[in-house]
Amino acid sequence: MSEPSSTEKTWAYALIAFGALALAANLGWLGAFGAGGPIFLALLSAGFLALFATNRKRWWAVIPGGVLATLALVDWAELAAPRMETGWLFFLGVAATFGFLYLRPDGGPRKRWAVWPAAIAVGIALLDLLETSSGGLVAPLALIGLGAFLFTRDSKKGRDLESQEGDPR
């Protein structure tokens, strides 16, 4: 018996994953504790991430795997804290996904282009966080901190100028 090809292995993993997912759904395991959505999304994510884990040349599988894992996390957060606004969490997860491709901590070749979607997603996450109810605390505290920083910086500059120029009286 010969070794299965890479394509056959991919189909084998996919069939096993979808079969396990269907079995879990039919047995009612996905609906346990009302977390069927996050579990379903996490299992789909695991399939893509397994493709990447078995062959690092399949870097593209990190994108759907990371986004599906992010959606699972967002869905779980909404179940755990229904009043929590989670748009920022989604964009932070997308940024982490592309950040992984840019940094490649696994030692693989970096995808330099991935820094742009990562940076844009971080920016959108920050903007969204500032508009949420929790951002109602973040934005004013950030402004206070920035103002205090500028105040102390300017006051130090002013003292330095006065000591260099002598007494203006």
Foldseek 3Di string as FASTA:
>chain_A
DDDDDPVVVLVVLVVVLVVVLVVCVVVVVLCVVHLNQLVVLQSVLVSLVVNCVVPVVPLVSLQSSQLSNLVSVLSVVCVVPVVDDCPLSSLQSNLVSLVCQQVVPVPDDHDVVSNVSNVVSNVVSVVVCCPDPNVVVVVVVVVVVVVVVVVVVVVVVVVVVDVVVDPPD
